[in-house]
């Protein structure tokens, strides 16, 4: 299972809000409720265009249909594809889908403060800092801040923006 492989890779877990490794069975159990909550979560695989292989996933989780909001969750699981702009392209496509197809009003991302690469991905896609939850997550032997970044539909420049 690629998802289990990616989720359990120490480099992928480095900035995860829940960095505890899981077995395939535990992973299946944790994803089972997601299948029933289709209306609250939408998952997409990320495929590398040239190599034609799955390299990660991106999703809207905790979709609030009444408030028209969602949280982005993203992982480029294949490490050799890091730093190539793929995460940024995925965020751009997903945000465009969220605003133009799902009619969302607000899209958020939660990022651990030490995760500078993810901060750059969301800032590059016009997300703005919203709130800092101080010492929210235990990471690398200490508590670190969790940051919330957001973009509103009115501020989105679109797929070519």
C-alpha atoms as a PDB file:
ATOM      1  CA  UNK A   1       0.000   0.000   0.000  1.00  0.00           C
ATOM      2  CA  UNK A   2       1.662   3.224  -1.176  1.00  0.00           C
ATOM      3  CA  UNK A   3      -0.167   5.404   1.334  1.00  0.00           C
ATOM      4  CA  UNK A   4       1.147   3.277   4.222  1.00  0.00           C
ATOM      5  CA  UNK A   5       4.664   3.320   2.771  1.00  0.00           C
ATOM      6  CA  UNK A   6       4.619   7.102   2.384  1.00  0.00           C
ATOM      7  CA  UNK A   7       2.983   7.778   5.748  1.00  0.00           C
ATOM      8  CA  UNK A   8       5.528   5.592   7.563  1.00  0.00           C
ATOM      9  CA  UNK A   9       8.619   7.024   5.866  1.00  0.00           C
ATOM     10  CA  UNK A  10      10.510   8.997   8.564  1.00  0.00           C
ATOM     11  CA  UNK A  11      11.149  11.918   6.179  1.00  0.00           C
ATOM     12  CA  UNK A  12       7.441  12.164   5.328  1.00  0.00           C
ATOM     13  CA  UNK A  13       6.498  11.885   9.007  1.00  0.00           C
ATOM     14  CA  UNK A  14       8.953  14.615   9.949  1.00  0.00           C
ATOM     15  CA  UNK A  15       6.393  17.440   9.834  1.00  0.00           C
ATOM     16  CA  UNK A  16       3.265  15.348  10.293  1.00  0.00           C
ATOM     17  CA  UNK A  17       0.824  16.409  12.983  1.00  0.00           C
ATOM     18  CA  UNK A  18       0.461  12.685  13.816  1.00  0.00           C
ATOM     19  CA  UNK A  19       3.948  11.219  13.216  1.00  0.00           C
ATOM     20  CA  UNK A  20       3.310   7.750  14.707  1.00  0.00           C
ATOM     21  CA  UNK A  21       3.910   4.910  12.186  1.00  0.00           C
ATOM     22  CA  UNK A  22       0.935   2.667  11.362  1.00  0.00           C
ATOM     23  CA  UNK A  23       0.582  -0.856  10.018  1.00  0.00           C
ATOM     24  CA  UNK A  24      -1.416  -1.538   6.855  1.00  0.00           C
ATOM     25  CA  UNK A  25      -4.292  -2.800   9.033  1.00  0.00           C
ATOM     26  CA  UNK A  26      -4.252   0.334  11.223  1.00  0.00           C
ATOM     27  CA  UNK A  27      -4.121   2.516   8.127  1.00  0.00           C
ATOM     28  CA  UNK A  28      -7.125   0.706   6.594  1.00  0.00           C
ATOM     29  CA  UNK A  29      -9.077   1.180   9.836  1.00  0.00           C
ATOM     30  CA  UNK A  30      -8.239   4.883   9.970  1.00  0.00           C
ATOM     31  CA  UNK A  31      -9.314   5.358   6.343  1.00  0.00           C
ATOM     32  CA  UNK A  32     -12.513   3.284   6.628  1.00  0.00           C
ATOM     33  CA  UNK A  33     -14.535   6.088   8.237  1.00  0.00           C
ATOM     34  CA  UNK A  34     -13.306   8.364   5.440  1.00  0.00           C
ATOM     35  CA  UNK A  35     -15.064   6.152   2.894  1.00  0.00           C
ATOM     36  CA  UNK A  36     -18.329   6.660   4.763  1.00  0.00           C
ATOM     37  CA  UNK A  37     -17.751  10.421   5.089  1.00  0.00           C
ATOM     38  CA  UNK A  38     -17.409  11.026   1.382  1.00  0.00           C
ATOM     39  CA  UNK A  39     -19.172  14.331   1.764  1.00  0.00           C
ATOM     40  CA  UNK A  40     -16.542  15.587   4.228  1.00  0.00           C
ATOM     41  CA  UNK A  41     -13.342  14.410   2.510  1.00  0.00           C
ATOM     42  CA  UNK A  42     -12.237  14.319  -1.121  1.00  0.00           C
ATOM     43  CA  UNK A  43      -8.949  12.549  -1.949  1.00  0.00           C
ATOM     44  CA  UNK A  44      -6.879  12.718  -5.150  1.00  0.00           C
ATOM     45  CA  UNK A  45      -3.715  10.852  -6.067  1.00  0.00           C
ATOM     46  CA  UNK A  46      -0.860  12.890  -7.488  1.00  0.00           C
ATOM     47  CA  UNK A  47       0.762  11.260 -10.506  1.00  0.00           C
ATOM     48  CA  UNK A  48       4.056  12.290 -12.029  1.00  0.00           C
ATOM     49  CA  UNK A  49       3.307  13.279 -15.627  1.00  0.00           C
ATOM     50  CA  UNK A  50       6.535  12.081 -17.239  1.00  0.00           C
ATOM     51  CA  UNK A  51       7.124   8.945 -15.145  1.00  0.00           C
ATOM     52  CA  UNK A  52       3.402   8.042 -15.042  1.00  0.00           C
ATOM     53  CA  UNK A  53       3.475   6.802 -11.430  1.00  0.00           C
ATOM     54  CA  UNK A  54       1.628   7.845  -8.262  1.00  0.00           C
ATOM     55  CA  UNK A  55       3.910   9.992  -6.094  1.00  0.00           C
ATOM     56  CA  UNK A  56       1.568  11.391  -3.459  1.00  0.00           C
ATOM     57  CA  UNK A  57      -1.905  12.590  -2.666  1.00  0.00           C
ATOM     58  CA  UNK A  58      -3.789  15.783  -1.970  1.00  0.00           C
ATOM     59  CA  UNK A  59      -7.198  16.168  -0.408  1.00  0.00           C
ATOM     60  CA  UNK A  60      -9.846  18.367   1.066  1.00  0.00           C
ATOM     61  CA  UNK A  61     -10.652  17.153   4.559  1.00  0.00           C
ATOM     62  CA  UNK A  62     -13.220  18.403   7.022  1.00  0.00           C
ATOM     63  CA  UNK A  63     -15.299  19.979   4.276  1.00  0.00           C
ATOM     64  CA  UNK A  64     -17.965  22.145   5.876  1.00  0.00           C
ATOM     65  CA  UNK A  65     -20.629  22.366   3.210  1.00  0.00           C
ATOM     66  CA  UNK A  66     -22.836  24.813   5.121  1.00  0.00           C
ATOM     67  CA  UNK A  67     -19.941  27.224   5.768  1.00  0.00           C
ATOM     68  CA  UNK A  68     -18.337  26.354   2.407  1.00  0.00           C
ATOM     69  CA  UNK A  69     -14.889  25.728   3.887  1.00  0.00           C
ATOM     70  CA  UNK A  70     -12.290  22.959   3.771  1.00  0.00           C
ATOM     71  CA  UNK A  71      -8.796  22.046   4.944  1.00  0.00           C
ATOM     72  CA  UNK A  72      -6.085  20.911   2.512  1.00  0.00           C
ATOM     73  CA  UNK A  73      -4.029  17.821   3.332  1.00  0.00           C
ATOM     74  CA  UNK A  74      -1.062  17.052   1.093  1.00  0.00           C
ATOM     75  CA  UNK A  75       1.842  14.614   0.867  1.00  0.00           C
ATOM     76  CA  UNK A  76       4.422  14.053  -1.845  1.00  0.00           C
ATOM     77  CA  UNK A  77       5.322  10.570  -0.658  1.00  0.00           C
ATOM     78  CA  UNK A  78       8.074   9.759  -3.143  1.00  0.00           C
ATOM     79  CA  UNK A  79      11.034  11.730  -1.818  1.00  0.00           C
ATOM     80  CA  UNK A  80      12.868  12.003  -5.130  1.00  0.00           C
ATOM     81  CA  UNK A  81      10.066  14.284  -6.367  1.00  0.00           C
ATOM     82  CA  UNK A  82      10.428  16.817  -3.546  1.00  0.00           C
ATOM     83  CA  UNK A  83      11.492  20.324  -4.484  1.00  0.00           C
ATOM     84  CA  UNK A  84      10.200  20.163  -8.059  1.00  0.00           C
ATOM     85  CA  UNK A  85       7.132  22.390  -7.644  1.00  0.00           C
ATOM     86  CA  UNK A  86       4.730  19.443  -7.743  1.00  0.00           C
ATOM     87  CA  UNK A  87       3.164  20.250  -4.353  1.00  0.00           C
ATOM     88  CA  UNK A  88       2.626  23.853  -5.401  1.00  0.00           C
ATOM     89  CA  UNK A  89       1.023  22.779  -8.684  1.00  0.00           C
ATOM     90  CA  UNK A  90      -1.221  20.347  -6.793  1.00  0.00           C
ATOM     91  CA  UNK A  91      -2.331  23.057  -4.362  1.00  0.00           C
ATOM     92  CA  UNK A  92      -3.087  25.421  -7.246  1.00  0.00           C
ATOM     93  CA  UNK A  93      -5.215  22.782  -9.007  1.00  0.00           C
ATOM     94  CA  UNK A  94      -7.035  21.751  -5.826  1.00  0.00           C
ATOM     95  CA  UNK A  95      -7.785  25.339  -4.789  1.00  0.00           C
ATOM     96  CA  UNK A  96      -9.098  26.067  -8.266  1.00  0.00           C
ATOM     97  CA  UNK A  97     -11.309  22.965  -8.029  1.00  0.00           C
ATOM     98  CA  UNK A  98     -12.495  23.967  -4.548  1.00  0.00           C
ATOM     99  CA  UNK A  99     -13.515  27.471  -5.515  1.00  0.00           C
ATOM    100  CA  UNK A 100     -14.808  26.840  -9.033  1.00  0.00           C
ATOM    101  CA  UNK A 101     -16.355  23.356  -8.789  1.00  0.00           C
ATOM    102  CA  UNK A 102     -17.257  22.967  -5.101  1.00  0.00           C
ATOM    103  CA  UNK A 103     -18.121  26.647  -4.574  1.00  0.00           C
ATOM    104  CA  UNK A 104     -16.049  26.855  -1.391  1.00  0.00           C
ATOM    105  CA  UNK A 105     -15.673  30.232   0.310  1.00  0.00           C
ATOM    106  CA  UNK A 106     -12.527  29.535   2.386  1.00  0.00           C
ATOM    107  CA  UNK A 107      -9.704  26.995   2.131  1.00  0.00           C
ATOM    108  CA  UNK A 108      -7.238  26.438   4.983  1.00  0.00           C
ATOM    109  CA  UNK A 109      -3.941  24.646   5.544  1.00  0.00           C
ATOM    110  CA  UNK A 110      -2.385  23.640   8.881  1.00  0.00           C
ATOM    111  CA  UNK A 111       1.421  23.661   8.905  1.00  0.00           C
ATOM    112  CA  UNK A 112       3.983  23.029  11.626  1.00  0.00           C
ATOM    113  CA  UNK A 113       6.158  26.129  12.066  1.00  0.00           C
ATOM    114  CA  UNK A 114       9.452  24.291  11.319  1.00  0.00           C
ATOM    115  CA  UNK A 115       8.095  23.056   7.932  1.00  0.00           C
ATOM    116  CA  UNK A 116       9.478  25.873   5.783  1.00  0.00           C
ATOM    117  CA  UNK A 117       8.918  24.026   2.478  1.00  0.00           C
ATOM    118  CA  UNK A 118       5.162  23.715   3.101  1.00  0.00           C
ATOM    119  CA  UNK A 119       4.988  27.346   4.181  1.00  0.00           C
ATOM    120  CA  UNK A 120       6.525  28.336   0.826  1.00  0.00           C
ATOM    121  CA  UNK A 121       4.059  26.137  -1.104  1.00  0.00           C
ATOM    122  CA  UNK A 122       1.038  27.833   0.446  1.00  0.00           C
ATOM    123  CA  UNK A 123       2.486  31.351   0.371  1.00  0.00           C
ATOM    124  CA  UNK A 124       3.309  30.859  -3.334  1.00  0.00           C
ATOM    125  CA  UNK A 125      -0.385  30.034  -3.855  1.00  0.00           C
ATOM    126  CA  UNK A 126      -1.533  33.292  -2.185  1.00  0.00           C
ATOM    127  CA  UNK A 127      -2.505  31.781   1.169  1.00  0.00           C
ATOM    128  CA  UNK A 128      -2.267  34.244   4.060  1.00  0.00           C
ATOM    129  CA  UNK A 129      -1.294  33.624   7.664  1.00  0.00           C
ATOM    130  CA  UNK A 130      -4.392  33.442   9.867  1.00  0.00           C
ATOM    131  CA  UNK A 131      -3.494  32.125  13.324  1.00  0.00           C
ATOM    132  CA  UNK A 132      -0.666  30.612  15.355  1.00  0.00           C
ATOM    133  CA  UNK A 133      -1.499  27.893  17.875  1.00  0.00           C
ATOM    134  CA  UNK A 134       1.432  28.131  20.243  1.00  0.00           C
ATOM    135  CA  UNK A 135       3.243  24.917  21.217  1.00  0.00           C
ATOM    136  CA  UNK A 136       0.357  22.855  19.809  1.00  0.00           C
ATOM    137  CA  UNK A 137       2.202  19.783  18.474  1.00  0.00           C
ATOM    138  CA  UNK A 138       4.968  17.627  19.980  1.00  0.00           C
ATOM    139  CA  UNK A 139       7.688  17.456  17.348  1.00  0.00           C
ATOM    140  CA  UNK A 140      11.332  16.390  17.477  1.00  0.00           C
ATOM    141  CA  UNK A 141      11.416  16.294  21.282  1.00  0.00           C
ATOM    142  CA  UNK A 142       9.662  19.602  21.906  1.00  0.00           C
ATOM    143  CA  UNK A 143       6.362  21.384  21.392  1.00  0.00           C
ATOM    144  CA  UNK A 144       6.125  23.551  18.269  1.00  0.00           C
ATOM    145  CA  UNK A 145       3.588  26.002  16.911  1.00  0.00           C
ATOM    146  CA  UNK A 146       0.939  24.998  14.402  1.00  0.00           C
ATOM    147  CA  UNK A 147       0.158  27.696  11.845  1.00  0.00           C
ATOM    148  CA  UNK A 148      -3.060  28.168   9.942  1.00  0.00           C
ATOM    149  CA  UNK A 149      -2.918  29.677   6.466  1.00  0.00           C
ATOM    150  CA  UNK A 150      -6.054  30.558   4.482  1.00  0.00           C
ATOM    151  CA  UNK A 151      -7.269  31.812   1.167  1.00  0.00           C
ATOM    152  CA  UNK A 152     -10.725  33.153   0.388  1.00  0.00           C
ATOM    153  CA  UNK A 153     -12.515  32.774  -2.916  1.00  0.00           C
ATOM    154  CA  UNK A 154     -12.579  36.560  -3.389  1.00  0.00           C
ATOM    155  CA  UNK A 155      -8.749  36.626  -3.234  1.00  0.00           C
ATOM    156  CA  UNK A 156      -8.086  33.700  -5.594  1.00  0.00           C
ATOM    157  CA  UNK A 157      -6.536  34.756  -8.899  1.00  0.00           C
ATOM    158  CA  UNK A 158      -7.465  31.537 -10.654  1.00  0.00           C
ATOM    159  CA  UNK A 159      -5.575  28.755 -12.324  1.00  0.00           C
ATOM    160  CA  UNK A 160      -3.366  31.093 -14.355  1.00  0.00           C
ATOM    161  CA  UNK A 161      -2.731  33.395 -11.377  1.00  0.00           C
END
